[in-house]
Amino acid sequence: MLITEDLDDVAVLRIEHGRVGALDVELLNALTEAVAASDRALVITGSGSCFCAGVDLRRILDGGRPYTEELLAALSQTFRVVFDHPRPTVAAVNGHAIAGGCVLALACDLRLMSGGRIGLTELAVGVPFPTTALEVVRHALGSRAGQVLLGAQPTDRERALALGTVDELTEPAELLPRAVALATELAARSPESYRLAKVQLHRPANAAIEATSDGDATVLDGWTSDDTRLRVEAALAALSGR
């Protein structure tokens, strides 16, 4: 599900969960636990052709409102713990990073990409953004946040670089070594100064999260509405027909 490798001052967290690394409660809890327990710089990456293809939509349909409520809480917890990790974090985007997978990458300090497509496709299947995810996106993308979020289309890596969704492009063989090298370089700086800088940079996003998180009850209603269920079923049918 989640493979951890310690490389001196850097911990590499590799998502190996099914064919596309889809986010479910179990994977999210594993990610949260691993990040919270680490005092190292982190590199988060995926396996095969996917970094992370977003939430497991089938589990949402099967689990209904109780599972969806648990999933949304786990999503927000994972995004927050990655976003606020006091040490450097680098996303090594090895392949497709879709919807929640894109948010996971955006929660990191830096994002490198070697292939696949990346984007925020939530609105394409009718699910609203939880507050934590929205504020992570707003922090990472600034003035481009609306364009990427409302467009709801994945892009290739060159377009992602232009939009600021990723910071650097690499070849596949160079991705992980480059990500580890960057994380190592950042980790060599004063840990307390780095932590404090992140606290200061993230203060507006975290204040917004804490001020508006009660509104996520409305988000849950949106994720579990009849209209959303129909859209999710259509999206899954389209995927299975490929």
C-alpha atoms as a PDB file:
ATOM      1  CA  MET A   1       0.000   0.000   0.000  1.00  0.00           C
ATOM      2  CA  LEU A   2       2.731   2.461   1.028  1.00  0.00           C
ATOM      3  CA  ILE A   3       6.413   1.589   0.736  1.00  0.00           C
ATOM      4  CA  THR A   4       8.850   3.640   2.826  1.00  0.00           C
ATOM      5  CA  GLU A   5      12.566   3.867   2.098  1.00  0.00           C
ATOM      6  CA  ASP A   6      14.968   5.925   4.199  1.00  0.00           C
ATOM      7  CA  LEU A   7      17.824   7.527   2.272  1.00  0.00           C
ATOM      8  CA  ASP A   8      19.981   9.372   4.822  1.00  0.00           C
ATOM      9  CA  ASP A   9      18.053  12.584   5.606  1.00  0.00           C
ATOM     10  CA  VAL A  10      15.211  11.807   3.168  1.00  0.00           C
ATOM     11  CA  ALA A  11      12.307   9.365   3.442  1.00  0.00           C
ATOM     12  CA  VAL A  12      10.769   8.215   0.163  1.00  0.00           C
ATOM     13  CA  LEU A  13       7.073   7.318   0.422  1.00  0.00           C
ATOM     14  CA  ARG A  14       5.963   5.275  -2.593  1.00  0.00           C
ATOM     15  CA  ILE A  15       2.265   4.666  -3.213  1.00  0.00           C
ATOM     16  CA  GLU A  16       1.694   1.084  -4.358  1.00  0.00           C
ATOM     17  CA  HIS A  17      -2.036   0.586  -4.021  1.00  0.00           C
ATOM     18  CA  GLY A  18      -3.857  -1.170  -6.822  1.00  0.00           C
ATOM     19  CA  ARG A  19      -3.292  -0.338 -10.457  1.00  0.00           C
ATOM     20  CA  VAL A  20      -3.616   3.451 -10.161  1.00  0.00           C
ATOM     21  CA  GLY A  21      -2.867   4.291  -6.533  1.00  0.00           C
ATOM     22  CA  ALA A  22      -6.437   5.398  -5.847  1.00  0.00           C
ATOM     23  CA  LEU A  23      -7.045   7.085  -2.522  1.00  0.00           C
ATOM     24  CA  ASP A  24      -9.240   5.240  -0.056  1.00  0.00           C
ATOM     25  CA  VAL A  25      -9.520   5.554   3.719  1.00  0.00           C
ATOM     26  CA  GLU A  26      -6.878   2.904   4.340  1.00  0.00           C
ATOM     27  CA  LEU A  27      -4.255   4.482   2.065  1.00  0.00           C
ATOM     28  CA  LEU A  28      -4.989   7.966   3.372  1.00  0.00           C
ATOM     29  CA  ASN A  29      -4.571   6.819   6.962  1.00  0.00           C
ATOM     30  CA  ALA A  30      -1.301   5.114   6.050  1.00  0.00           C
ATOM     31  CA  LEU A  31      -0.024   8.306   4.402  1.00  0.00           C
ATOM     32  CA  THR A  32      -1.057  10.450   7.354  1.00  0.00           C
ATOM     33  CA  GLU A  33       0.628   8.121   9.828  1.00  0.00           C
ATOM     34  CA  ALA A  34       3.853   7.910   7.809  1.00  0.00           C
ATOM     35  CA  VAL A  35       4.145  11.666   7.301  1.00  0.00           C
ATOM     36  CA  ALA A  36       3.262  12.534  10.895  1.00  0.00           C
ATOM     37  CA  ALA A  37       5.792  10.029  12.250  1.00  0.00           C
ATOM     38  CA  SER A  38       8.676  11.237  10.081  1.00  0.00           C
ATOM     39  CA  ASP A  39      11.242  13.819  11.122  1.00  0.00           C
ATOM     40  CA  ARG A  40      12.949  13.678   7.717  1.00  0.00           C
ATOM     41  CA  ALA A  41      12.505  15.494   4.448  1.00  0.00           C
ATOM     42  CA  LEU A  42       9.984  13.587   2.331  1.00  0.00           C
ATOM     43  CA  VAL A  43       9.712  12.542  -1.294  1.00  0.00           C
ATOM     44  CA  ILE A  44       6.255  11.265  -2.250  1.00  0.00           C
ATOM     45  CA  THR A  45       5.970   9.261  -5.454  1.00  0.00           C
ATOM     46  CA  GLY A  46       3.862   6.587  -7.114  1.00  0.00           C
ATOM     47  CA  SER A  47       4.277   3.373  -9.057  1.00  0.00           C
ATOM     48  CA  GLY A  48       3.997   2.387 -12.703  1.00  0.00           C
ATOM     49  CA  SER A  49       2.155   4.895 -14.866  1.00  0.00           C
ATOM     50  CA  CYS A  50       0.383   6.660 -11.975  1.00  0.00           C
ATOM     51  CA  PHE A  51       1.398   8.945  -9.175  1.00  0.00           C
ATOM     52  CA  CYS A  52      -2.149   8.846  -7.805  1.00  0.00           C
ATOM     53  CA  ALA A  53      -5.409   8.789  -9.761  1.00  0.00           C
ATOM     54  CA  GLY A  54      -7.509  10.461  -7.076  1.00  0.00           C
ATOM     55  CA  VAL A  55     -10.134   8.984  -4.806  1.00  0.00           C
ATOM     56  CA  ASP A  56     -11.516   5.494  -5.336  1.00  0.00           C
ATOM     57  CA  LEU A  57     -14.912   6.368  -6.811  1.00  0.00           C
ATOM     58  CA  ARG A  58     -16.165   2.802  -6.634  1.00  0.00           C
ATOM     59  CA  ARG A  59     -15.685   2.760  -2.872  1.00  0.00           C
ATOM     60  CA  ILE A  60     -17.747   5.942  -2.631  1.00  0.00           C
ATOM     61  CA  LEU A  61     -20.649   4.361  -4.511  1.00  0.00           C
ATOM     62  CA  ASP A  62     -20.438   1.159  -2.506  1.00  0.00           C
ATOM     63  CA  GLY A  63     -19.996   2.802   0.884  1.00  0.00           C
ATOM     64  CA  GLY A  64     -22.559   5.561   0.586  1.00  0.00           C
ATOM     65  CA  ARG A  65     -22.706   8.531   2.939  1.00  0.00           C
ATOM     66  CA  PRO A  66     -21.022   6.898   5.997  1.00  0.00           C
ATOM     67  CA  TYR A  67     -17.944   5.893   3.993  1.00  0.00           C
ATOM     68  CA  THR A  68     -17.849   9.194   2.107  1.00  0.00           C
ATOM     69  CA  GLU A  69     -17.906  11.146   5.369  1.00  0.00           C
ATOM     70  CA  GLU A  70     -14.983   9.074   6.663  1.00  0.00           C
ATOM     71  CA  LEU A  71     -13.132   9.507   3.366  1.00  0.00           C
ATOM     72  CA  LEU A  72     -13.504  13.296   3.302  1.00  0.00           C
ATOM     73  CA  ALA A  73     -12.193  13.552   6.854  1.00  0.00           C
ATOM     74  CA  ALA A  74      -9.236  11.330   5.954  1.00  0.00           C
ATOM     75  CA  LEU A  75      -8.544  13.342   2.785  1.00  0.00           C
ATOM     76  CA  SER A  76      -8.419  16.618   4.678  1.00  0.00           C
ATOM     77  CA  GLN A  77      -6.216  15.117   7.376  1.00  0.00           C
ATOM     78  CA  THR A  78      -3.727  13.770   4.821  1.00  0.00           C
ATOM     79  CA  PHE A  79      -3.564  16.988   2.801  1.00  0.00           C
ATOM     80  CA  ARG A  80      -3.073  19.017   5.988  1.00  0.00           C
ATOM     81  CA  VAL A  81      -0.325  16.815   7.442  1.00  0.00           C
ATOM     82  CA  VAL A  82       1.609  16.882   4.148  1.00  0.00           C
ATOM     83  CA  PHE A  83       1.054  20.629   3.700  1.00  0.00           C
ATOM     84  CA  ASP A  84       2.218  21.398   7.244  1.00  0.00           C
ATOM     85  CA  HIS A  85       5.059  18.868   7.505  1.00  0.00           C
ATOM     86  CA  PRO A  86       7.864  20.917   9.079  1.00  0.00           C
ATOM     87  CA  ARG A  87      10.592  19.410   6.928  1.00  0.00           C
ATOM     88  CA  PRO A  88      10.956  19.743   3.125  1.00  0.00           C
ATOM     89  CA  THR A  89       8.489  17.824   0.950  1.00  0.00           C
ATOM     90  CA  VAL A  90       8.936  17.010  -2.743  1.00  0.00           C
ATOM     91  CA  ALA A  91       6.377  15.310  -4.998  1.00  0.00           C
ATOM     92  CA  ALA A  92       8.033  13.096  -7.618  1.00  0.00           C
ATOM     93  CA  VAL A  93       5.132  12.852 -10.062  1.00  0.00           C
ATOM     94  CA  ASN A  94       5.996   9.748 -12.050  1.00  0.00           C
ATOM     95  CA  GLY A  95       2.689   9.526 -13.927  1.00  0.00           C
ATOM     96  CA  HIS A  96      -0.957  10.553 -13.834  1.00  0.00           C
ATOM     97  CA  ALA A  97      -1.879  12.767 -10.871  1.00  0.00           C
ATOM     98  CA  ILE A  98      -5.612  13.339 -11.064  1.00  0.00           C
ATOM     99  CA  ALA A  99      -8.045  15.142  -8.741  1.00  0.00           C
ATOM    100  CA  GLY A 100      -7.033  14.208  -5.176  1.00  0.00           C
ATOM    101  CA  GLY A 101      -3.725  12.938  -6.531  1.00  0.00           C
ATOM    102  CA  CYS A 102      -3.047  16.398  -7.924  1.00  0.00           C
ATOM    103  CA  VAL A 103      -3.971  17.993  -4.587  1.00  0.00           C
ATOM    104  CA  LEU A 104      -1.557  15.613  -2.831  1.00  0.00           C
ATOM    105  CA  ALA A 105       1.232  16.819  -5.119  1.00  0.00           C
ATOM    106  CA  LEU A 106       0.230  20.469  -4.631  1.00  0.00           C
ATOM    107  CA  ALA A 107       0.441  20.015  -0.855  1.00  0.00           C
ATOM    108  CA  CYS A 108       4.191  19.426  -1.225  1.00  0.00           C
ATOM    109  CA  ASP A 109       6.755  22.228  -1.242  1.00  0.00           C
ATOM    110  CA  LEU A 110       8.057  21.315  -4.708  1.00  0.00           C
ATOM    111  CA  ARG A 111       6.733  19.177  -7.550  1.00  0.00           C
ATOM    112  CA  LEU A 112       8.767  17.391 -10.210  1.00  0.00           C
ATOM    113  CA  MET A 113       7.111  15.524 -13.090  1.00  0.00           C
ATOM    114  CA  SER A 114       8.380  13.010 -15.602  1.00  0.00           C
ATOM    115  CA  GLY A 115       5.259  11.901 -17.456  1.00  0.00           C
ATOM    116  CA  GLY A 116       1.517  11.364 -17.499  1.00  0.00           C
ATOM    117  CA  ARG A 117      -1.179  13.985 -17.045  1.00  0.00           C
ATOM    118  CA  ILE A 118      -2.063  16.104 -14.036  1.00  0.00           C
ATOM    119  CA  GLY A 119      -5.113  18.129 -13.106  1.00  0.00           C
ATOM    120  CA  LEU A 120      -8.031  18.876 -10.817  1.00  0.00           C
ATOM    121  CA  THR A 121     -10.970  17.027 -12.354  1.00  0.00           C
ATOM    122  CA  GLU A 122     -13.357  17.052  -9.383  1.00  0.00           C
ATOM    123  CA  LEU A 123     -15.913  19.336 -11.023  1.00  0.00           C
ATOM    124  CA  ALA A 124     -16.051  17.064 -14.058  1.00  0.00           C
ATOM    125  CA  VAL A 125     -17.699  14.392 -11.895  1.00  0.00           C
ATOM    126  CA  GLY A 126     -19.699  16.860  -9.824  1.00  0.00           C
ATOM    127  CA  VAL A 127     -17.897  16.691  -6.473  1.00  0.00           C
ATOM    128  CA  PRO A 128     -17.226  19.944  -4.607  1.00  0.00           C
ATOM    129  CA  PHE A 129     -13.880  20.757  -3.008  1.00  0.00           C
ATOM    130  CA  PRO A 130     -13.350  20.215   0.712  1.00  0.00           C
ATOM    131  CA  THR A 131     -11.994  23.350   2.360  1.00  0.00           C
ATOM    132  CA  THR A 132      -8.535  21.930   3.036  1.00  0.00           C
ATOM    133  CA  ALA A 133      -8.064  20.812  -0.577  1.00  0.00           C
ATOM    134  CA  LEU A 134      -9.272  24.174  -1.905  1.00  0.00           C
ATOM    135  CA  GLU A 135      -6.898  26.179   0.291  1.00  0.00           C
ATOM    136  CA  VAL A 136      -3.948  23.945  -0.611  1.00  0.00           C
ATOM    137  CA  VAL A 137      -4.727  24.549  -4.288  1.00  0.00           C
ATOM    138  CA  ARG A 138      -5.120  28.292  -3.751  1.00  0.00           C
ATOM    139  CA  HIS A 139      -1.788  28.466  -1.908  1.00  0.00           C
ATOM    140  CA  ALA A 140       0.100  26.435  -4.513  1.00  0.00           C
ATOM    141  CA  LEU A 141      -1.338  27.984  -7.660  1.00  0.00           C
ATOM    142  CA  GLY A 142      -2.175  31.542  -6.642  1.00  0.00           C
ATOM    143  CA  SER A 143      -3.877  33.413  -9.487  1.00  0.00           C
ATOM    144  CA  ARG A 144      -3.945  30.233 -11.599  1.00  0.00           C
ATOM    145  CA  ALA A 145      -6.058  28.337  -9.048  1.00  0.00           C
ATOM    146  CA  GLY A 146      -9.395  29.261 -10.608  1.00  0.00           C
ATOM    147  CA  GLN A 147      -8.251  28.431 -14.122  1.00  0.00           C
ATOM    148  CA  VAL A 148      -7.009  24.973 -13.123  1.00  0.00           C
ATOM    149  CA  LEU A 149      -9.840  24.134 -10.727  1.00  0.00           C
ATOM    150  CA  LEU A 150     -12.763  25.404 -12.781  1.00  0.00           C
ATOM    151  CA  GLY A 151     -11.328  24.062 -16.036  1.00  0.00           C
ATOM    152  CA  ALA A 152     -11.394  20.554 -14.534  1.00  0.00           C
ATOM    153  CA  GLN A 153      -9.126  19.139 -17.246  1.00  0.00           C
ATOM    154  CA  PRO A 154      -5.880  17.193 -16.861  1.00  0.00           C
ATOM    155  CA  THR A 155      -2.931  18.564 -18.807  1.00  0.00           C
ATOM    156  CA  ASP A 156       0.333  17.185 -20.103  1.00  0.00           C
ATOM    157  CA  ARG A 157       3.509  17.986 -18.245  1.00  0.00           C
ATOM    158  CA  GLU A 158       4.535  20.926 -20.452  1.00  0.00           C
ATOM    159  CA  ARG A 159       1.214  22.691 -19.856  1.00  0.00           C
ATOM    160  CA  ALA A 160       1.436  21.821 -16.155  1.00  0.00           C
ATOM    161  CA  LEU A 161       4.815  23.549 -15.983  1.00  0.00           C
ATOM    162  CA  ALA A 162       3.391  26.653 -17.654  1.00  0.00           C
ATOM    163  CA  LEU A 163       0.469  26.743 -15.216  1.00  0.00           C
ATOM    164  CA  GLY A 164       2.705  26.223 -12.184  1.00  0.00           C
ATOM    165  CA  THR A 165       1.095  22.923 -11.291  1.00  0.00           C
ATOM    166  CA  VAL A 166       4.624  21.479 -11.334  1.00  0.00           C
ATOM    167  CA  ASP A 167       7.941  23.233 -10.809  1.00  0.00           C
ATOM    168  CA  GLU A 168      10.334  21.150 -12.890  1.00  0.00           C
ATOM    169  CA  LEU A 169      10.275  18.471 -15.602  1.00  0.00           C
ATOM    170  CA  THR A 170      12.624  15.508 -15.688  1.00  0.00           C
ATOM    171  CA  GLU A 171      13.095  12.323 -17.649  1.00  0.00           C
ATOM    172  CA  PRO A 172      11.670   9.203 -15.943  1.00  0.00           C
ATOM    173  CA  ALA A 173      15.059   7.752 -14.993  1.00  0.00           C
ATOM    174  CA  GLU A 174      16.110  11.056 -13.454  1.00  0.00           C
ATOM    175  CA  LEU A 175      12.918  11.767 -11.497  1.00  0.00           C
ATOM    176  CA  LEU A 176      13.577  10.062  -8.182  1.00  0.00           C
ATOM    177  CA  PRO A 177      17.303  10.891  -7.970  1.00  0.00           C
ATOM    178  CA  ARG A 178      16.546  14.533  -8.741  1.00  0.00           C
ATOM    179  CA  ALA A 179      13.706  14.647  -6.194  1.00  0.00           C
ATOM    180  CA  VAL A 180      15.903  13.094  -3.498  1.00  0.00           C
ATOM    181  CA  ALA A 181      18.736  15.502  -4.348  1.00  0.00           C
ATOM    182  CA  LEU A 182      16.394  18.507  -4.019  1.00  0.00           C
ATOM    183  CA  ALA A 183      14.948  17.228  -0.749  1.00  0.00           C
ATOM    184  CA  THR A 184      18.482  16.642   0.564  1.00  0.00           C
ATOM    185  CA  GLU A 185      19.534  20.142  -0.428  1.00  0.00           C
ATOM    186  CA  LEU A 186      16.549  21.693   1.345  1.00  0.00           C
ATOM    187  CA  ALA A 187      17.039  19.471   4.393  1.00  0.00           C
ATOM    188  CA  ALA A 188      20.570  20.828   4.839  1.00  0.00           C
ATOM    189  CA  ARG A 189      19.146  24.216   5.773  1.00  0.00           C
ATOM    190  CA  SER A 190      18.277  25.158   9.341  1.00  0.00           C
ATOM    191  CA  PRO A 191      15.332  22.907  10.294  1.00  0.00           C
ATOM    192  CA  GLU A 192      13.829  25.514  12.622  1.00  0.00           C
ATOM    193  CA  SER A 193      14.146  28.315  10.085  1.00  0.00           C
ATOM    194  CA  TYR A 194      12.598  26.116   7.389  1.00  0.00           C
ATOM    195  CA  ARG A 195       9.729  25.148   9.694  1.00  0.00           C
ATOM    196  CA  LEU A 196       9.058  28.744  10.666  1.00  0.00           C
ATOM    197  CA  ALA A 197       9.112  29.903   7.046  1.00  0.00           C
ATOM    198  CA  LYS A 198       6.480  27.298   6.163  1.00  0.00           C
ATOM    199  CA  VAL A 199       4.330  28.347   9.112  1.00  0.00           C
ATOM    200  CA  GLN A 200       4.503  31.955   7.939  1.00  0.00           C
ATOM    201  CA  LEU A 201       3.841  31.117   4.283  1.00  0.00           C
ATOM    202  CA  HIS A 202       0.948  28.801   5.122  1.00  0.00           C
ATOM    203  CA  ARG A 203      -0.710  31.063   7.701  1.00  0.00           C
ATOM    204  CA  PRO A 204      -3.396  32.485   5.342  1.00  0.00           C
ATOM    205  CA  ALA A 205      -4.334  29.037   4.036  1.00  0.00           C
ATOM    206  CA  ASN A 206      -4.460  27.490   7.480  1.00  0.00           C
ATOM    207  CA  ALA A 207      -6.487  30.381   8.871  1.00  0.00           C
ATOM    208  CA  ALA A 208      -9.014  29.914   6.063  1.00  0.00           C
ATOM    209  CA  ILE A 209      -9.149  26.159   6.697  1.00  0.00           C
ATOM    210  CA  GLU A 210      -9.783  26.642  10.396  1.00  0.00           C
ATOM    211  CA  ALA A 211     -12.349  29.395   9.826  1.00  0.00           C
ATOM    212  CA  THR A 212     -14.469  27.588   7.239  1.00  0.00           C
ATOM    213  CA  SER A 213     -14.042  23.858   7.840  1.00  0.00           C
ATOM    214  CA  ASP A 214     -17.534  23.683   9.369  1.00  0.00           C
ATOM    215  CA  GLY A 215     -18.853  24.310   5.870  1.00  0.00           C
ATOM    216  CA  ASP A 216     -17.668  20.872   4.831  1.00  0.00           C
ATOM    217  CA  ALA A 217     -21.073  19.497   5.854  1.00  0.00           C
ATOM    218  CA  THR A 218     -22.318  21.121   2.659  1.00  0.00           C
ATOM    219  CA  VAL A 219     -19.440  19.497   0.785  1.00  0.00           C
ATOM    220  CA  LEU A 220     -20.506  16.094   2.120  1.00  0.00           C
ATOM    221  CA  ASP A 221     -24.054  16.745   0.904  1.00  0.00           C
ATOM    222  CA  GLY A 222     -22.633  17.516  -2.533  1.00  0.00           C
ATOM    223  CA  TRP A 223     -20.526  14.354  -2.656  1.00  0.00           C
ATOM    224  CA  THR A 224     -23.519  12.180  -1.707  1.00  0.00           C
ATOM    225  CA  SER A 225     -26.259  13.816  -3.771  1.00  0.00           C
ATOM    226  CA  ASP A 226     -28.214  11.852  -6.359  1.00  0.00           C
ATOM    227  CA  ASP A 227     -26.817  14.030  -9.137  1.00  0.00           C
ATOM    228  CA  THR A 228     -23.235  13.357  -8.059  1.00  0.00           C
ATOM    229  CA  ARG A 229     -23.900   9.648  -7.812  1.00  0.00           C
ATOM    230  CA  LEU A 230     -25.158   9.618 -11.408  1.00  0.00           C
ATOM    231  CA  ARG A 231     -22.107  11.542 -12.578  1.00  0.00           C
ATOM    232  CA  VAL A 232     -19.738   9.219 -10.739  1.00  0.00           C
ATOM    233  CA  GLU A 233     -21.472   6.175 -12.214  1.00  0.00           C
ATOM    234  CA  ALA A 234     -21.138   7.701 -15.692  1.00  0.00           C
ATOM    235  CA  ALA A 235     -17.452   8.435 -15.118  1.00  0.00           C
ATOM    236  CA  LEU A 236     -16.798   4.869 -13.983  1.00  0.00           C
ATOM    237  CA  ALA A 237     -18.723   3.491 -16.957  1.00  0.00           C
ATOM    238  CA  ALA A 238     -16.645   5.619 -19.315  1.00  0.00           C
ATOM    239  CA  LEU A 239     -13.435   4.383 -17.707  1.00  0.00           C
ATOM    240  CA  SER A 240     -14.479   0.743 -17.890  1.00  0.00           C
ATOM    241  CA  GLY A 241     -15.394   1.175 -21.558  1.00  0.00           C
ATOM    242  CA  ARG A 242     -11.901   2.247 -22.564  1.00  0.00           C
END
